[in-house]
């Protein structure tokens, strides 16, 4: 696989990962959702999704260790079980679908999600509260989409945590620990299914420094762009990415 890639395609892969992690550093989420459609131009999605999962997992290892004292364990326990079951469901479907169908599903999902983000910015949504009962459907669905597409489903859990009115530090720590658990389960499933070949692991090692560079830059740029402006930019990029995937032959 790697031998067949051109120098331009390698440059595209590096740029895609860098841009995705700049965005993640600015917003706190979304690396896989941005990286997956860009990488799908030059790599099969059955390579892209496990690769993105492994790259994000390393970041969550660090965040979980650093912020473990701020975790709200009650919220984590409510989300953990449905999240793990969502991963299992996603893995089962991921193995059954061919690459082209996954690309179509990913493109459609990106368009729908990007349109939703624009609608939220244009119309505004009232502040609402979530009961803990919402942890089951949102945790399951979020992990299911994450496992299929390499990202995107986590935003459902973000919405849940906002609805629970969790303060910022505990919010970040609890999500980081939850996503660490989700990623560990996903990566185990991908590994057992044989997706982590020698070439995928070599690519992972080469791209790991790029993720840290992108995150570092994104965290600094994030202080200069309002959350509203960034959300609009991200929404447009997701819609364009989705459309380009659907048009891709």
Protein backbone atom coordinates (compact mmCIF):
# COMPACT_ATOMS: atom_id res chain seq x y z
CA UNK A 1 0.00 0.00 0.00
CA UNK A 2 2.63 2.57 1.06
CA UNK A 3 4.88 1.73 -1.89
CA UNK A 4 2.08 2.66 -4.29
CA UNK A 5 1.65 6.17 -2.86
CA UNK A 6 3.23 9.12 -4.64
CA UNK A 7 5.15 11.94 -2.95
CA UNK A 8 2.16 14.22 -3.48
CA UNK A 9 -0.13 11.71 -1.77
CA UNK A 10 2.23 11.51 1.21
CA UNK A 11 2.19 15.30 1.42
CA UNK A 12 -1.63 15.20 1.36
CA UNK A 13 -1.69 12.72 4.27
CA UNK A 14 0.64 14.87 6.37
CA UNK A 15 -1.34 18.04 5.59
CA UNK A 16 -4.66 16.33 6.40
CA UNK A 17 -3.44 15.16 9.82
CA UNK A 18 -1.89 18.54 10.60
CA UNK A 19 -5.07 20.47 9.71
CA UNK A 20 -7.24 18.01 11.65
CA UNK A 21 -5.18 18.39 14.82
CA UNK A 22 -4.97 22.15 14.51
CA UNK A 23 -8.78 22.08 14.49
CA UNK A 24 -8.80 19.71 17.46
CA UNK A 25 -6.43 21.95 19.38
CA UNK A 26 -8.73 24.92 18.75
CA UNK A 27 -12.03 23.22 19.56
CA UNK A 28 -11.19 20.26 21.80
CA UNK A 29 -12.70 17.66 19.44
CA UNK A 30 -13.14 16.76 15.78
CA UNK A 31 -9.72 15.43 14.69
CA UNK A 32 -11.06 12.18 13.28
CA UNK A 33 -14.08 13.84 11.72
CA UNK A 34 -11.84 16.15 9.68
CA UNK A 35 -8.99 13.75 8.99
CA UNK A 36 -11.07 10.78 7.83
CA UNK A 37 -12.66 12.33 4.70
CA UNK A 38 -9.37 13.94 3.66
CA UNK A 39 -7.38 10.74 4.08
CA UNK A 40 -10.08 8.76 2.25
CA UNK A 41 -8.91 10.37 -1.00
CA UNK A 42 -5.65 8.41 -0.94
CA UNK A 43 -6.23 5.56 1.54
CA UNK A 44 -9.00 2.96 1.99
CA UNK A 45 -11.39 3.85 4.80
CA UNK A 46 -10.63 0.51 6.46
CA UNK A 47 -7.10 1.89 6.89
CA UNK A 48 -8.11 5.47 7.67
CA UNK A 49 -10.46 4.79 10.59
CA UNK A 50 -8.17 2.46 12.59
CA UNK A 51 -5.21 4.77 11.91
CA UNK A 52 -7.07 7.87 13.14
CA UNK A 53 -8.22 5.95 16.19
CA UNK A 54 -4.67 5.03 17.17
CA UNK A 55 -3.42 8.61 16.72
CA UNK A 56 -6.21 10.05 18.89
CA UNK A 57 -5.74 7.35 21.52
CA UNK A 58 -2.19 8.47 22.29
CA UNK A 59 -3.46 11.99 22.98
CA UNK A 60 -6.19 10.74 25.31
CA UNK A 61 -3.67 8.68 27.28
CA UNK A 62 -1.87 11.91 28.16
CA UNK A 63 -5.08 13.85 28.92
CA UNK A 64 -6.48 11.06 31.12
CA UNK A 65 -3.34 10.90 33.26
CA UNK A 66 -3.09 14.69 33.54
CA UNK A 67 -6.73 15.41 34.42
CA UNK A 68 -7.79 12.25 36.32
CA UNK A 69 -8.42 14.11 39.61
CA UNK A 70 -11.13 16.28 38.00
CA UNK A 71 -13.25 13.41 36.61
CA UNK A 72 -16.90 13.26 37.71
CA UNK A 73 -17.16 9.53 38.29
CA UNK A 74 -20.97 9.42 38.43
CA UNK A 75 -21.24 10.85 34.92
CA UNK A 76 -18.45 8.59 33.68
CA UNK A 77 -20.17 5.46 35.02
CA UNK A 78 -23.47 6.48 33.39
CA UNK A 79 -21.79 6.92 29.99
CA UNK A 80 -19.21 4.12 30.06
CA UNK A 81 -21.43 1.04 29.57
CA UNK A 82 -23.54 2.38 26.65
CA UNK A 83 -20.34 3.72 25.08
CA UNK A 84 -18.67 0.29 25.13
CA UNK A 85 -21.78 -1.36 23.66
CA UNK A 86 -21.85 1.33 20.96
CA UNK A 87 -18.27 0.43 20.03
CA UNK A 88 -19.16 -3.27 19.74
CA UNK A 89 -22.13 -2.46 17.50
CA UNK A 90 -20.02 -0.18 15.32
CA UNK A 91 -17.26 -2.77 14.99
CA UNK A 92 -19.76 -5.39 13.86
CA UNK A 93 -21.09 -3.17 11.09
CA UNK A 94 -17.63 -1.83 10.16
CA UNK A 95 -16.44 -5.34 9.30
CA UNK A 96 -19.49 -6.08 7.12
CA UNK A 97 -19.50 -2.96 4.93
CA UNK A 98 -17.26 -2.48 1.89
CA UNK A 99 -15.08 0.59 1.47
CA UNK A 100 -17.30 2.38 -1.07
CA UNK A 101 -20.41 2.08 1.08
CA UNK A 102 -18.49 3.38 4.11
CA UNK A 103 -17.38 6.40 2.06
CA UNK A 104 -21.00 7.12 1.04
CA UNK A 105 -22.20 6.80 4.63
CA UNK A 106 -19.40 9.03 5.89
CA UNK A 107 -20.10 11.70 3.27
CA UNK A 108 -23.82 11.71 4.10
CA UNK A 109 -23.12 11.89 7.82
CA UNK A 110 -20.75 14.86 7.37
CA UNK A 111 -23.29 16.80 5.31
CA UNK A 112 -26.06 16.21 7.85
CA UNK A 113 -23.87 17.11 10.80
CA UNK A 114 -22.41 20.21 9.12
CA UNK A 115 -25.90 21.42 8.19
CA UNK A 116 -27.01 20.90 11.78
CA UNK A 117 -24.05 22.99 13.05
CA UNK A 118 -24.94 25.84 10.67
CA UNK A 119 -28.59 25.70 11.77
CA UNK A 120 -27.56 25.94 15.41
CA UNK A 121 -25.44 29.00 14.69
CA UNK A 122 -28.09 30.67 12.53
CA UNK A 123 -31.15 29.96 14.67
CA UNK A 124 -29.69 29.52 18.13
CA UNK A 125 -30.84 26.96 20.64
CA UNK A 126 -32.19 27.63 24.14
CA UNK A 127 -30.17 26.43 27.10
CA UNK A 128 -31.44 23.04 28.21
CA UNK A 129 -30.69 20.45 30.83
CA UNK A 130 -30.25 16.71 30.29
CA UNK A 131 -31.23 14.11 32.83
CA UNK A 132 -28.75 11.29 33.34
CA UNK A 133 -31.13 8.97 31.45
CA UNK A 134 -29.89 10.57 28.21
CA UNK A 135 -26.45 9.06 28.86
CA UNK A 136 -27.62 5.69 27.50
CA UNK A 137 -28.86 6.67 24.00
CA UNK A 138 -26.29 9.43 23.45
CA UNK A 139 -23.36 7.39 24.76
CA UNK A 140 -24.30 4.40 22.60
CA UNK A 141 -24.98 6.41 19.42
CA UNK A 142 -21.87 8.55 19.82
CA UNK A 143 -19.57 5.54 20.16
CA UNK A 144 -21.34 3.79 17.28
CA UNK A 145 -20.65 6.68 14.88
CA UNK A 146 -17.09 7.13 16.19
CA UNK A 147 -16.31 3.47 15.50
CA UNK A 148 -17.79 3.55 11.99
CA UNK A 149 -16.35 6.87 10.84
CA UNK A 150 -13.35 7.58 13.08
CA UNK A 151 -15.04 10.56 14.75
CA UNK A 152 -18.11 12.74 14.93
CA UNK A 153 -20.16 10.75 17.40
CA UNK A 154 -18.35 12.28 20.34
CA UNK A 155 -20.19 15.55 19.75
CA UNK A 156 -23.37 13.85 21.00
CA UNK A 157 -21.67 13.28 24.33
CA UNK A 158 -20.45 16.89 24.30
CA UNK A 159 -24.08 18.01 23.94
CA UNK A 160 -25.07 15.74 26.83
CA UNK A 161 -22.35 17.13 29.10
CA UNK A 162 -23.33 20.71 28.27
CA UNK A 163 -26.89 19.83 29.15
CA UNK A 164 -25.69 18.53 32.50
CA UNK A 165 -24.06 21.95 33.15
CA UNK A 166 -20.68 20.49 34.07
CA UNK A 167 -18.00 23.04 34.84
CA UNK A 168 -15.17 23.35 32.32
CA UNK A 169 -12.31 21.44 33.98
CA UNK A 170 -14.49 18.52 35.08
CA UNK A 171 -16.14 18.56 31.65
CA UNK A 172 -12.81 18.12 29.84
CA UNK A 173 -11.46 15.55 32.30
CA UNK A 174 -14.58 13.37 32.26
CA UNK A 175 -14.80 13.37 28.45
CA UNK A 176 -11.09 12.64 28.07
CA UNK A 177 -11.39 9.61 30.38
CA UNK A 178 -14.55 8.38 28.64
CA UNK A 179 -12.96 8.70 25.21
CA UNK A 180 -9.82 6.96 26.47
CA UNK A 181 -12.00 3.96 27.41
CA UNK A 182 -13.83 4.12 24.08
CA UNK A 183 -10.60 4.34 22.10
CA UNK A 184 -9.02 1.45 24.00
CA UNK A 185 -12.03 -0.74 23.12
CA UNK A 186 -12.09 0.41 19.49
CA UNK A 187 -8.38 -0.16 18.98
CA UNK A 188 -8.62 -3.64 20.52
CA UNK A 189 -11.43 -4.47 18.10
CA UNK A 190 -9.54 -3.11 15.09
CA UNK A 191 -6.43 -5.05 16.16
CA UNK A 192 -8.31 -8.33 16.60
CA UNK A 193 -9.85 -7.85 13.16
CA UNK A 194 -6.36 -7.49 11.66
CA UNK A 195 -6.47 -3.85 10.58
CA UNK A 196 -3.15 -2.88 12.21
CA UNK A 197 -0.76 -4.19 9.61
CA UNK A 198 2.94 -3.34 9.56
CA UNK A 199 2.31 -0.58 7.01
CA UNK A 200 -0.44 1.01 9.12
CA UNK A 201 1.81 1.00 12.19
CA UNK A 202 4.67 2.56 10.21
CA UNK A 203 2.33 5.29 9.01
CA UNK A 204 1.13 5.82 12.59
CA UNK A 205 4.70 6.29 13.82
CA UNK A 206 5.50 8.77 11.07
CA UNK A 207 2.35 10.84 11.68
CA UNK A 208 2.46 10.95 15.49
CA UNK A 209 4.78 14.02 15.65
CA UNK A 210 2.46 15.81 13.20
CA UNK A 211 -0.48 15.36 15.61
CA UNK A 212 1.44 16.99 18.44
CA UNK A 213 2.58 19.89 16.23
CA UNK A 214 -0.98 20.49 15.03
CA UNK A 215 -2.40 20.33 18.55
CA UNK A 216 0.22 22.77 19.83
CA UNK A 217 -0.58 25.30 17.08
CA UNK A 218 -4.34 24.83 17.40
CA UNK A 219 -4.34 25.55 21.14
CA UNK A 220 -2.63 28.87 20.47
CA UNK A 221 -4.80 29.85 17.53
CA UNK A 222 -7.90 28.96 19.50
CA UNK A 223 -7.41 31.98 21.72
CA UNK A 224 -7.73 34.29 18.67
CA UNK A 225 -10.88 32.85 17.06
CA UNK A 226 -14.29 33.03 18.67
CA UNK A 227 -16.07 29.69 19.21
CA UNK A 228 -18.96 30.88 17.02
CA UNK A 229 -16.70 31.76 14.08
CA UNK A 230 -14.78 28.52 14.33
CA UNK A 231 -17.99 26.50 14.51
CA UNK A 232 -19.23 28.08 11.27
CA UNK A 233 -15.92 27.43 9.50
CA UNK A 234 -15.87 23.83 10.67
CA UNK A 235 -19.49 23.30 9.56
CA UNK A 236 -18.76 24.55 6.03
CA UNK A 237 -15.63 22.39 5.79
CA UNK A 238 -17.58 19.32 6.88
CA UNK A 239 -20.31 19.91 4.31
CA UNK A 240 -17.76 20.43 1.52
CA UNK A 241 -15.85 17.33 2.59
CA UNK A 242 -19.05 15.28 2.62
CA UNK A 243 -20.08 16.48 -0.84
CA UNK A 244 -16.64 15.77 -2.26
CA UNK A 245 -16.74 12.22 -0.88
CA UNK A 246 -20.16 11.56 -2.42
CA UNK A 247 -18.91 12.84 -5.78
CA UNK A 248 -15.67 10.86 -5.53
CA UNK A 249 -15.64 7.89 -7.94
